[in-house]
N, C-alpha and C. Protein backbone atom coordinates (compact mmCIF):
# COMPACT_ATOMS: atom_id res chain seq x y z
N UNK A 1 0.84 -1.18 0.00
CA UNK A 1 0.00 0.00 0.00
C UNK A 1 0.88 1.23 0.00
N UNK A 2 0.39 2.26 -0.59
CA UNK A 2 1.10 3.53 -0.66
C UNK A 2 0.10 4.66 -0.78
N UNK A 3 0.49 5.80 -0.24
CA UNK A 3 -0.31 7.00 -0.41
C UNK A 3 0.47 7.95 -1.31
N UNK A 4 -0.18 8.43 -2.35
CA UNK A 4 0.45 9.34 -3.29
C UNK A 4 -0.20 10.71 -3.15
N UNK A 5 0.59 11.74 -3.31
CA UNK A 5 0.06 13.10 -3.34
C UNK A 5 0.29 13.72 -4.72
N UNK A 6 0.88 12.95 -5.62
CA UNK A 6 1.23 13.40 -6.96
C UNK A 6 0.29 12.75 -7.98
N UNK A 7 -0.65 13.52 -8.51
CA UNK A 7 -1.64 13.00 -9.47
C UNK A 7 -0.98 12.50 -10.74
N UNK A 8 0.11 13.11 -11.14
CA UNK A 8 0.80 12.67 -12.35
C UNK A 8 1.30 11.22 -12.21
N UNK A 9 1.79 10.86 -11.04
CA UNK A 9 2.25 9.49 -10.79
C UNK A 9 1.07 8.52 -10.86
N UNK A 10 -0.05 8.91 -10.27
CA UNK A 10 -1.26 8.09 -10.31
C UNK A 10 -1.72 7.91 -11.75
N UNK A 11 -1.72 8.97 -12.53
CA UNK A 11 -2.11 8.89 -13.94
C UNK A 11 -1.20 7.94 -14.71
N UNK A 12 0.09 7.94 -14.39
CA UNK A 12 1.04 7.04 -15.06
C UNK A 12 0.76 5.58 -14.70
N UNK A 13 0.43 5.33 -13.43
CA UNK A 13 0.07 3.96 -13.02
C UNK A 13 -1.17 3.48 -13.76
N UNK A 14 -2.18 4.34 -13.85
CA UNK A 14 -3.42 3.97 -14.54
C UNK A 14 -3.13 3.71 -16.02
N UNK A 15 -2.39 4.60 -16.66
CA UNK A 15 -2.06 4.44 -18.09
C UNK A 15 -1.25 3.16 -18.34
N UNK A 16 -0.45 2.77 -17.36
CA UNK A 16 0.38 1.57 -17.49
C UNK A 16 -0.28 0.31 -16.97
N UNK A 17 -1.60 0.34 -16.75
CA UNK A 17 -2.35 -0.80 -16.25
C UNK A 17 -1.77 -1.33 -14.94
N UNK A 18 -1.39 -0.40 -14.05
CA UNK A 18 -0.88 -0.77 -12.74
C UNK A 18 0.63 -0.77 -12.63
N UNK A 19 1.30 -0.53 -13.72
CA UNK A 19 2.77 -0.51 -13.75
C UNK A 19 3.25 0.88 -14.17
N UNK A 20 4.39 1.28 -13.68
CA UNK A 20 5.04 2.49 -14.19
C UNK A 20 5.82 2.11 -15.44
N UNK A 21 5.86 2.99 -16.42
CA UNK A 21 6.54 2.65 -17.68
C UNK A 21 8.00 2.21 -17.50
N UNK A 22 8.69 2.78 -16.53
CA UNK A 22 10.10 2.46 -16.35
C UNK A 22 10.33 1.22 -15.50
N UNK A 23 9.23 0.54 -15.12
CA UNK A 23 9.35 -0.66 -14.30
C UNK A 23 10.16 -1.69 -15.04
N UNK A 24 11.09 -2.28 -14.33
CA UNK A 24 11.96 -3.29 -14.93
C UNK A 24 11.27 -4.64 -15.05
N UNK A 25 11.79 -5.63 -14.38
CA UNK A 25 11.29 -6.99 -14.45
C UNK A 25 9.91 -7.10 -13.79
N UNK A 26 8.90 -7.30 -14.59
CA UNK A 26 7.54 -7.36 -14.06
C UNK A 26 7.23 -8.71 -13.42
N UNK A 27 8.16 -9.66 -13.49
CA UNK A 27 7.94 -10.95 -12.85
C UNK A 27 8.61 -11.03 -11.49
N UNK A 28 9.37 -10.02 -11.11
CA UNK A 28 10.08 -10.03 -9.82
C UNK A 28 9.07 -9.97 -8.67
N UNK A 29 9.24 -10.78 -7.64
CA UNK A 29 8.28 -10.79 -6.53
C UNK A 29 8.22 -9.49 -5.74
N UNK A 30 9.26 -8.69 -5.81
CA UNK A 30 9.27 -7.42 -5.09
C UNK A 30 8.78 -6.25 -5.96
N UNK A 31 8.15 -6.57 -7.08
CA UNK A 31 7.67 -5.56 -8.01
C UNK A 31 6.24 -5.86 -8.45
N UNK A 32 5.28 -5.86 -7.50
CA UNK A 32 3.90 -6.18 -7.88
C UNK A 32 3.21 -4.99 -8.55
N UNK A 33 2.19 -5.26 -9.35
CA UNK A 33 1.43 -4.17 -9.97
C UNK A 33 0.43 -3.56 -8.99
N UNK A 34 0.05 -2.33 -9.25
CA UNK A 34 -1.06 -1.72 -8.50
C UNK A 34 -2.34 -2.41 -8.95
N UNK A 35 -3.28 -2.60 -8.00
CA UNK A 35 -4.54 -3.24 -8.36
C UNK A 35 -5.76 -2.38 -8.07
N UNK A 36 -5.62 -1.39 -7.17
CA UNK A 36 -6.74 -0.50 -6.85
C UNK A 36 -6.19 0.88 -6.51
N UNK A 37 -6.89 1.92 -6.97
CA UNK A 37 -6.50 3.29 -6.63
C UNK A 37 -7.75 4.02 -6.17
N UNK A 38 -7.66 4.59 -4.98
CA UNK A 38 -8.77 5.33 -4.39
C UNK A 38 -8.35 6.77 -4.17
N UNK A 39 -9.18 7.68 -4.63
CA UNK A 39 -8.95 9.12 -4.41
C UNK A 39 -9.70 9.50 -3.13
N UNK A 40 -9.08 10.32 -2.29
CA UNK A 40 -9.74 10.74 -1.05
C UNK A 40 -9.16 12.06 -0.57
N UNK A 41 -9.80 12.63 0.44
CA UNK A 41 -9.30 13.82 1.11
C UNK A 41 -8.64 13.36 2.40
N UNK A 42 -7.37 13.75 2.60
CA UNK A 42 -6.67 13.31 3.80
C UNK A 42 -7.02 14.20 4.99
N UNK A 43 -6.47 13.90 6.15
CA UNK A 43 -6.83 14.63 7.36
C UNK A 43 -6.38 16.09 7.34
N UNK A 44 -5.46 16.43 6.44
CA UNK A 44 -5.02 17.82 6.29
C UNK A 44 -5.90 18.58 5.30
N UNK A 45 -6.90 17.88 4.74
CA UNK A 45 -7.79 18.53 3.77
C UNK A 45 -7.26 18.54 2.36
N UNK A 46 -6.20 17.78 2.09
CA UNK A 46 -5.59 17.73 0.76
C UNK A 46 -6.03 16.47 0.03
N UNK A 47 -6.05 16.56 -1.29
CA UNK A 47 -6.38 15.40 -2.10
C UNK A 47 -5.22 14.43 -2.10
N UNK A 48 -5.53 13.15 -1.95
CA UNK A 48 -4.51 12.10 -1.95
C UNK A 48 -5.07 10.88 -2.66
N UNK A 49 -4.19 9.94 -2.98
CA UNK A 49 -4.58 8.72 -3.65
C UNK A 49 -3.96 7.55 -2.93
N UNK A 50 -4.80 6.61 -2.55
CA UNK A 50 -4.33 5.38 -1.92
C UNK A 50 -4.15 4.33 -2.99
N UNK A 51 -2.95 3.79 -3.08
CA UNK A 51 -2.63 2.79 -4.09
C UNK A 51 -2.37 1.46 -3.38
N UNK A 52 -3.10 0.44 -3.79
CA UNK A 52 -2.93 -0.89 -3.23
C UNK A 52 -2.29 -1.76 -4.30
N UNK A 53 -1.27 -2.52 -3.88
CA UNK A 53 -0.54 -3.38 -4.80
C UNK A 53 -0.96 -4.83 -4.63
N UNK A 54 -0.81 -5.61 -5.67
CA UNK A 54 -1.15 -7.02 -5.64
C UNK A 54 -0.44 -7.69 -4.47
N UNK A 55 -1.17 -8.51 -3.73
CA UNK A 55 -0.59 -9.22 -2.59
C UNK A 55 -0.86 -8.53 -1.26
N UNK A 56 -1.40 -7.32 -1.29
CA UNK A 56 -1.71 -6.62 -0.05
C UNK A 56 -2.78 -7.38 0.71
N UNK A 57 -2.65 -7.46 2.02
CA UNK A 57 -3.60 -8.24 2.82
C UNK A 57 -4.99 -7.60 2.92
N UNK A 58 -5.09 -6.29 2.70
CA UNK A 58 -6.38 -5.60 2.75
C UNK A 58 -6.50 -4.66 1.55
N UNK A 59 -6.97 -5.16 0.42
CA UNK A 59 -7.02 -4.32 -0.78
C UNK A 59 -8.07 -3.20 -0.71
N UNK A 60 -8.90 -3.18 0.33
CA UNK A 60 -9.96 -2.17 0.43
C UNK A 60 -9.65 -1.12 1.49
N UNK A 61 -8.43 -1.08 1.98
CA UNK A 61 -8.06 -0.22 3.12
C UNK A 61 -8.33 1.27 2.91
N UNK A 62 -8.28 1.75 1.70
CA UNK A 62 -8.50 3.18 1.45
C UNK A 62 -9.95 3.52 1.12
N UNK A 63 -10.81 2.53 1.11
CA UNK A 63 -12.19 2.75 0.67
C UNK A 63 -13.19 2.97 1.80
N UNK A 64 -12.73 2.93 3.03
CA UNK A 64 -13.61 3.16 4.18
C UNK A 64 -13.26 4.50 4.83
N UNK A 65 -14.25 5.35 5.03
CA UNK A 65 -13.97 6.63 5.70
C UNK A 65 -13.42 6.43 7.11
N UNK A 66 -12.53 7.33 7.51
CA UNK A 66 -11.94 7.30 8.85
C UNK A 66 -11.47 8.73 9.17
N UNK A 67 -10.77 8.88 10.28
CA UNK A 67 -10.21 10.19 10.60
C UNK A 67 -9.18 10.63 9.56
N UNK A 68 -8.57 9.66 8.90
CA UNK A 68 -7.51 9.96 7.93
C UNK A 68 -7.99 9.95 6.48
N UNK A 69 -9.13 9.33 6.24
CA UNK A 69 -9.66 9.20 4.88
C UNK A 69 -11.08 9.75 4.85
N UNK A 70 -11.26 10.83 4.09
CA UNK A 70 -12.60 11.41 3.93
C UNK A 70 -12.99 11.37 2.47
N UNK A 71 -14.25 11.11 2.22
CA UNK A 71 -14.82 11.08 0.87
C UNK A 71 -14.06 10.16 -0.09
N UNK A 72 -13.82 8.90 0.31
CA UNK A 72 -13.10 7.99 -0.59
C UNK A 72 -13.92 7.67 -1.83
N UNK A 73 -13.21 7.56 -2.94
CA UNK A 73 -13.85 7.24 -4.22
C UNK A 73 -12.90 6.38 -5.03
N UNK A 74 -13.30 5.13 -5.29
CA UNK A 74 -12.49 4.24 -6.11
C UNK A 74 -12.43 4.80 -7.53
N UNK A 75 -11.22 5.05 -8.04
CA UNK A 75 -11.11 5.62 -9.39
C UNK A 75 -10.54 4.64 -10.41
N UNK A 76 -9.92 3.54 -9.92
CA UNK A 76 -9.35 2.58 -10.86
C UNK A 76 -9.17 1.24 -10.18
N UNK A 77 -9.43 0.20 -10.92
CA UNK A 77 -9.14 -1.16 -10.45
C UNK A 77 -8.62 -1.98 -11.63
N UNK A 78 -7.68 -2.83 -11.36
CA UNK A 78 -7.07 -3.64 -12.42
C UNK A 78 -8.02 -4.70 -12.93
N UNK A 79 -8.90 -5.22 -12.04
CA UNK A 79 -9.81 -6.30 -12.46
C UNK A 79 -11.22 -5.89 -12.35
C-alpha cells in the first residue's frame, strides 16, 4: 500500500495498467502491480490517492472513511 500526493504518478500507473513505464522486471516478486486506486481527502484537507498493490492483505483499506480518509472514491481497479 502507498499514499500518493502526486496526481501525475497516479495517472502514469493507470495508463500503465498498474505498472510504471520504467518498471523493470515485471515478474520479480518485489515488483507487484497496483490493483486499486482510491482518491480521497486526507486529514489535512488535501487530495490524496491510496494505491494498493497485488498481494496486499487488505485491498480495500483506502475505501472506508476514517479520521484519515474522507470522501473515498475508487477511481481505478485492475480487475
